[in-house]
């Protein structure tokens, strides 16, 4: 195991492979039980997983903002998460970073026979997607994941997981034929939510609310939309318009807490008219 005094840790190189090894050595030093960082030593898979998810979202955020100057750093943060998990796995005797890299390399080659094999590259994007799903289905079967919904990660954002579950079910025919049926189901679920609010308890209200959200994701899928991306865009729009409200109120020496709903609604409408 590398030590903090090893000179190679501090020397930048021009090789992707060497820099990967350098990062792995740095992580090993941080996890060294005698000379490492107390915080890093205390971590385990469960405590690091939320940071992994957070870093992935920060990568997506930089891309959404087209903050190309930040993207390199965010990708580096995400790469560190891979190395962190691999180091903990190696310590526990599960696998190593080399196993991770070998595994993903083999998977990419196997999933692209039209590039690395003898299959024709003359395919539509739709055909390539279908072929990709067939290969993934075979991989799931090899892992004894025989159910249609097996392998859809529990740790995905809920909207993203709902979309993936629905797509899987749709492949075997469990789907509404058109958006009309989905809209009708939304009305039904909305009515059930109102009934639960008026007559039932908190648990039933939460269940009906979840059902309504699930069907909303389904409507987005039928319209060719990604609910996660749409909600992210809506969050951005809300943030911009509320910032406009704050800025306009500040011009007259006020804060939102000093205002009322009517005034803020009028400013919201002004923000919409301005194109925000």
Protein backbone atom coordinates (compact mmCIF):
# COMPACT_ATOMS: atom_id res chain seq x y z
CA UNK A 1 0.00 0.00 0.00
CA UNK A 2 1.23 3.48 -0.87
CA UNK A 3 2.23 5.79 1.96
CA UNK A 4 1.79 9.58 2.19
CA UNK A 5 5.54 9.95 1.80
CA UNK A 6 5.69 8.10 -1.54
CA UNK A 7 6.90 10.71 -4.06
CA UNK A 8 4.79 9.30 -6.90
CA UNK A 9 1.62 10.49 -5.18
CA UNK A 10 2.62 14.12 -5.66
CA UNK A 11 3.83 13.90 -9.27
CA UNK A 12 1.42 14.64 -12.13
CA UNK A 13 1.78 12.60 -15.32
CA UNK A 14 0.60 12.70 -18.93
CA UNK A 15 -0.89 9.21 -18.80
CA UNK A 16 -4.52 8.37 -18.07
CA UNK A 17 -3.43 4.99 -16.71
CA UNK A 18 -0.77 6.51 -14.46
CA UNK A 19 -3.16 9.14 -13.13
CA UNK A 20 -5.74 6.43 -12.42
CA UNK A 21 -3.12 4.50 -10.46
CA UNK A 22 -2.13 7.72 -8.68
CA UNK A 23 -5.72 8.39 -7.61
CA UNK A 24 -6.04 4.80 -6.37
CA UNK A 25 -2.81 5.22 -4.37
CA UNK A 26 -4.06 8.49 -2.86
CA UNK A 27 -7.29 6.79 -1.83
CA UNK A 28 -5.36 3.90 -0.30
CA UNK A 29 -3.33 6.41 1.72
CA UNK A 30 -6.48 8.14 2.94
CA UNK A 31 -7.89 4.78 4.08
CA UNK A 32 -4.68 3.58 5.77
CA UNK A 33 -5.72 2.66 9.33
CA UNK A 34 -2.50 4.02 10.83
CA UNK A 35 -1.62 7.09 8.78
CA UNK A 36 -4.80 7.90 6.88
CA UNK A 37 -7.54 10.49 7.32
CA UNK A 38 -9.83 9.69 10.28
CA UNK A 39 -12.95 10.69 8.33
CA UNK A 40 -12.10 8.57 5.30
CA UNK A 41 -11.21 5.59 7.50
CA UNK A 42 -14.59 5.70 9.25
CA UNK A 43 -16.63 5.56 6.04
CA UNK A 44 -18.32 2.49 4.58
CA UNK A 45 -20.38 1.74 1.48
CA UNK A 46 -23.61 2.98 3.05
CA UNK A 47 -22.18 6.30 4.23
CA UNK A 48 -20.45 7.02 0.92
CA UNK A 49 -23.39 6.06 -1.33
CA UNK A 50 -25.26 9.38 -0.76
CA UNK A 51 -22.13 11.29 -1.81
CA UNK A 52 -21.92 9.17 -4.95
CA UNK A 53 -25.49 10.07 -5.86
CA UNK A 54 -24.85 13.73 -5.05
CA UNK A 55 -21.75 13.86 -7.24
CA UNK A 56 -23.63 12.29 -10.16
CA UNK A 57 -26.31 14.96 -9.82
CA UNK A 58 -23.66 17.68 -9.74
CA UNK A 59 -22.28 16.33 -13.02
CA UNK A 60 -25.77 16.51 -14.51
CA UNK A 61 -26.21 20.02 -13.11
CA UNK A 62 -22.99 21.27 -14.72
CA UNK A 63 -24.12 19.81 -18.05
CA UNK A 64 -27.59 21.35 -17.74
CA UNK A 65 -26.01 24.76 -17.08
CA UNK A 66 -23.44 24.15 -19.84
CA UNK A 67 -20.80 24.99 -17.24
CA UNK A 68 -18.03 23.30 -19.17
CA UNK A 69 -15.36 24.87 -16.99
CA UNK A 70 -16.86 23.11 -13.97
CA UNK A 71 -17.62 19.78 -15.62
CA UNK A 72 -14.04 18.48 -15.48
CA UNK A 73 -13.92 18.98 -11.72
CA UNK A 74 -17.36 17.42 -11.22
CA UNK A 75 -16.35 14.38 -13.26
CA UNK A 76 -13.23 14.11 -11.12
CA UNK A 77 -15.37 14.15 -7.98
CA UNK A 78 -17.48 11.36 -9.45
CA UNK A 79 -14.38 9.36 -10.41
CA UNK A 80 -13.20 9.64 -6.81
CA UNK A 81 -16.43 7.99 -5.69
CA UNK A 82 -15.69 4.99 -7.93
CA UNK A 83 -12.18 4.70 -6.52
CA UNK A 84 -13.46 5.13 -2.94
CA UNK A 85 -15.93 2.25 -3.30
CA UNK A 86 -13.35 0.08 -5.05
CA UNK A 87 -10.82 0.70 -2.26
CA UNK A 88 -13.33 -0.31 0.41
CA UNK A 89 -14.25 -3.39 -1.63
CA UNK A 90 -10.59 -4.36 -1.97
CA UNK A 91 -10.08 -4.01 1.78
CA UNK A 92 -13.06 -6.33 2.36
CA UNK A 93 -11.82 -8.83 -0.22
CA UNK A 94 -14.78 -8.31 -2.59
CA UNK A 95 -13.07 -6.93 -5.70
CA UNK A 96 -10.50 -4.34 -6.78
CA UNK A 97 -10.44 -1.25 -8.97
CA UNK A 98 -8.81 -3.43 -11.64
CA UNK A 99 -11.85 -5.71 -11.53
CA UNK A 100 -14.12 -2.67 -11.95
CA UNK A 101 -12.22 -1.45 -15.00
CA UNK A 102 -11.91 -4.90 -16.55
CA UNK A 103 -15.62 -5.48 -16.00
CA UNK A 104 -16.81 -2.28 -17.65
CA UNK A 105 -14.39 -2.74 -20.57
CA UNK A 106 -15.68 -6.26 -21.18
CA UNK A 107 -19.29 -5.10 -20.89
CA UNK A 108 -18.84 -2.28 -23.41
CA UNK A 109 -17.23 -4.61 -25.93
CA UNK A 110 -19.94 -7.25 -25.46
CA UNK A 111 -22.75 -4.70 -25.78
CA UNK A 112 -21.39 -3.22 -29.02
CA UNK A 113 -20.99 -6.16 -31.41
CA UNK A 114 -21.69 -3.76 -34.29
CA UNK A 115 -18.49 -1.89 -33.37
CA UNK A 116 -16.18 -4.55 -31.90
CA UNK A 117 -17.68 -7.63 -33.56
CA UNK A 118 -18.91 -8.73 -36.95
CA UNK A 119 -22.42 -7.25 -36.82
CA UNK A 120 -23.37 -4.54 -39.29
CA UNK A 121 -23.19 -0.92 -38.18
CA UNK A 122 -26.00 -0.08 -40.63
CA UNK A 123 -28.76 0.10 -38.03
CA UNK A 124 -31.23 2.72 -36.92
CA UNK A 125 -30.99 4.14 -33.42
CA UNK A 126 -34.21 2.29 -32.59
CA UNK A 127 -32.76 -1.03 -33.75
CA UNK A 128 -29.59 -0.46 -31.75
CA UNK A 129 -31.68 0.30 -28.67
CA UNK A 130 -33.64 -2.92 -29.18
CA UNK A 131 -30.43 -4.92 -29.62
CA UNK A 132 -28.96 -3.28 -26.49
CA UNK A 133 -32.02 -4.32 -24.47
CA UNK A 134 -31.73 -7.91 -25.72
CA UNK A 135 -28.11 -8.03 -24.60
CA UNK A 136 -29.01 -6.55 -21.20
CA UNK A 137 -31.84 -9.07 -20.83
CA UNK A 138 -29.38 -11.89 -21.46
CA UNK A 139 -27.03 -10.42 -18.84
CA UNK A 140 -29.88 -10.25 -16.32
CA UNK A 141 -30.82 -13.86 -17.06
CA UNK A 142 -27.21 -14.89 -16.46
CA UNK A 143 -27.49 -13.28 -13.02
CA UNK A 144 -30.75 -15.14 -12.35
CA UNK A 145 -32.72 -11.91 -12.69
CA UNK A 146 -35.65 -13.55 -14.44
CA UNK A 147 -38.41 -11.10 -13.52
CA UNK A 148 -39.33 -8.35 -15.97
CA UNK A 149 -38.59 -5.68 -13.36
CA UNK A 150 -35.47 -7.30 -11.88
CA UNK A 151 -32.35 -5.18 -11.88
CA UNK A 152 -34.01 -1.75 -11.85
CA UNK A 153 -31.86 -0.11 -9.19
CA UNK A 154 -33.56 0.81 -5.92
CA UNK A 155 -31.20 3.76 -5.46
CA UNK A 156 -32.38 5.63 -8.55
CA UNK A 157 -34.31 8.89 -8.09
CA UNK A 158 -37.94 7.86 -7.69
CA UNK A 159 -39.15 9.53 -10.90
CA UNK A 160 -36.36 7.91 -12.92
CA UNK A 161 -37.03 4.50 -11.39
CA UNK A 162 -40.76 4.83 -12.10
CA UNK A 163 -39.99 5.54 -15.75
CA UNK A 164 -37.66 2.54 -16.02
CA UNK A 165 -40.18 0.23 -14.35
CA UNK A 166 -42.90 1.39 -16.74
CA UNK A 167 -40.68 0.93 -19.79
CA UNK A 168 -39.84 -2.61 -18.70
CA UNK A 169 -43.51 -3.46 -18.19
CA UNK A 170 -44.45 -1.88 -21.52
CA UNK A 171 -42.03 -4.15 -23.37
CA UNK A 172 -44.14 -7.17 -22.44
CA UNK A 173 -47.43 -5.45 -23.28
CA UNK A 174 -48.43 -4.16 -19.85
CA UNK A 175 -49.24 -0.64 -20.97
CA UNK A 176 -52.11 1.62 -21.93
CA UNK A 177 -52.61 1.90 -25.70
CA UNK A 178 -52.79 5.72 -25.76
CA UNK A 179 -52.53 8.87 -23.68
CA UNK A 180 -56.34 9.02 -23.37
CA UNK A 181 -56.36 6.07 -20.98
CA UNK A 182 -53.48 7.53 -19.00
CA UNK A 183 -55.26 10.87 -18.61
CA UNK A 184 -58.41 9.05 -17.47
CA UNK A 185 -56.31 7.22 -14.89
CA UNK A 186 -54.87 10.53 -13.69
CA UNK A 187 -58.40 11.83 -13.12
CA UNK A 188 -59.27 8.63 -11.24
CA UNK A 189 -56.16 8.83 -9.05
CA UNK A 190 -56.72 12.55 -8.37
CA UNK A 191 -60.26 11.80 -7.21
CA UNK A 192 -58.98 9.01 -4.97
CA UNK A 193 -56.44 11.40 -3.48
CA UNK A 194 -59.17 13.94 -2.70
CA UNK A 195 -61.28 11.19 -1.12
CA UNK A 196 -58.33 10.04 0.97
CA UNK A 197 -57.67 13.61 2.08
CA UNK A 198 -61.29 14.01 3.19
CA UNK A 199 -61.97 10.59 4.71
CA UNK A 200 -58.78 8.66 5.42
CA UNK A 201 -55.53 8.99 7.33
CA UNK A 202 -52.04 10.21 6.51
CA UNK A 203 -50.81 6.81 5.33
CA UNK A 204 -53.62 6.44 2.79
CA UNK A 205 -53.17 10.03 1.60
CA UNK A 206 -49.46 9.39 1.00
CA UNK A 207 -50.26 6.17 -0.89
CA UNK A 208 -52.77 7.88 -3.18
CA UNK A 209 -50.39 10.77 -3.77
CA UNK A 210 -47.69 8.30 -4.79
CA UNK A 211 -50.11 6.57 -7.16
CA UNK A 212 -50.93 9.91 -8.79
CA UNK A 213 -47.25 10.75 -9.24
CA UNK A 214 -46.59 7.31 -10.76
CA UNK A 215 -49.33 7.82 -13.35
CA UNK A 216 -48.02 11.32 -14.11
CA UNK A 217 -44.67 9.74 -14.96
CA UNK A 218 -46.55 7.34 -17.23
CA UNK A 219 -48.23 10.21 -19.05
CA UNK A 220 -44.84 11.80 -19.62
CA UNK A 221 -43.54 8.51 -21.03
CA UNK A 222 -46.47 8.31 -23.46
CA UNK A 223 -45.72 11.87 -24.54
CA UNK A 224 -42.04 11.04 -25.04
CA UNK A 225 -40.99 13.03 -21.97
CA UNK A 226 -38.70 12.21 -19.06
CA UNK A 227 -40.45 13.20 -15.81
CA UNK A 228 -37.16 13.74 -13.99
CA UNK A 229 -35.90 16.12 -16.69
CA UNK A 230 -39.24 17.92 -16.89
CA UNK A 231 -39.40 18.44 -13.13
CA UNK A 232 -35.79 19.60 -13.10
CA UNK A 233 -36.67 22.18 -15.74
CA UNK A 234 -39.73 23.24 -13.76
CA UNK A 235 -37.56 23.64 -10.65
CA UNK A 236 -35.22 25.87 -12.64
CA UNK A 237 -38.10 27.96 -13.93
CA UNK A 238 -39.54 28.35 -10.43
CA UNK A 239 -36.13 29.40 -9.11
CA UNK A 240 -35.68 32.03 -11.85
CA UNK A 241 -39.14 33.50 -11.38
CA UNK A 242 -38.91 33.61 -7.61
CA UNK A 243 -35.52 35.29 -7.89
CA UNK A 244 -37.26 37.89 -10.09
CA UNK A 245 -39.85 38.43 -7.34
CA UNK A 246 -37.11 38.91 -4.76
CA UNK A 247 -35.23 41.33 -7.00
CA UNK A 248 -38.33 43.42 -7.72
CA UNK A 249 -39.29 43.55 -4.05
CA UNK A 250 -35.74 44.56 -3.14
CA UNK A 251 -36.07 47.60 -5.41
CA UNK A 252 -38.69 48.97 -3.01
CA UNK A 253 -36.87 47.86 0.12
CA UNK A 254 -38.97 44.76 0.74
CA UNK A 255 -38.42 41.03 1.16
CA UNK A 256 -40.89 38.23 0.34
CA UNK A 257 -41.76 37.99 4.03
CA UNK A 258 -42.79 41.66 3.92
CA UNK A 259 -45.04 41.12 0.90
CA UNK A 260 -48.33 39.26 0.41
CA UNK A 261 -49.57 36.63 -2.03
CA UNK A 262 -51.37 39.12 -4.29
CA UNK A 263 -48.26 41.26 -4.77
CA UNK A 264 -46.01 38.26 -5.33
CA UNK A 265 -48.51 36.72 -7.76
CA UNK A 266 -48.47 39.92 -9.78
CA UNK A 267 -44.68 39.86 -9.87
CA UNK A 268 -44.79 36.19 -10.86
CA UNK A 269 -46.95 37.11 -13.83
CA UNK A 270 -44.49 39.87 -14.69
CA UNK A 271 -41.68 37.31 -14.59
CA UNK A 272 -43.64 35.12 -17.02
CA UNK A 273 -44.20 38.03 -19.38
CA UNK A 274 -40.47 38.79 -19.29
CA UNK A 275 -39.74 35.28 -20.56
CA UNK A 276 -38.32 33.82 -17.37
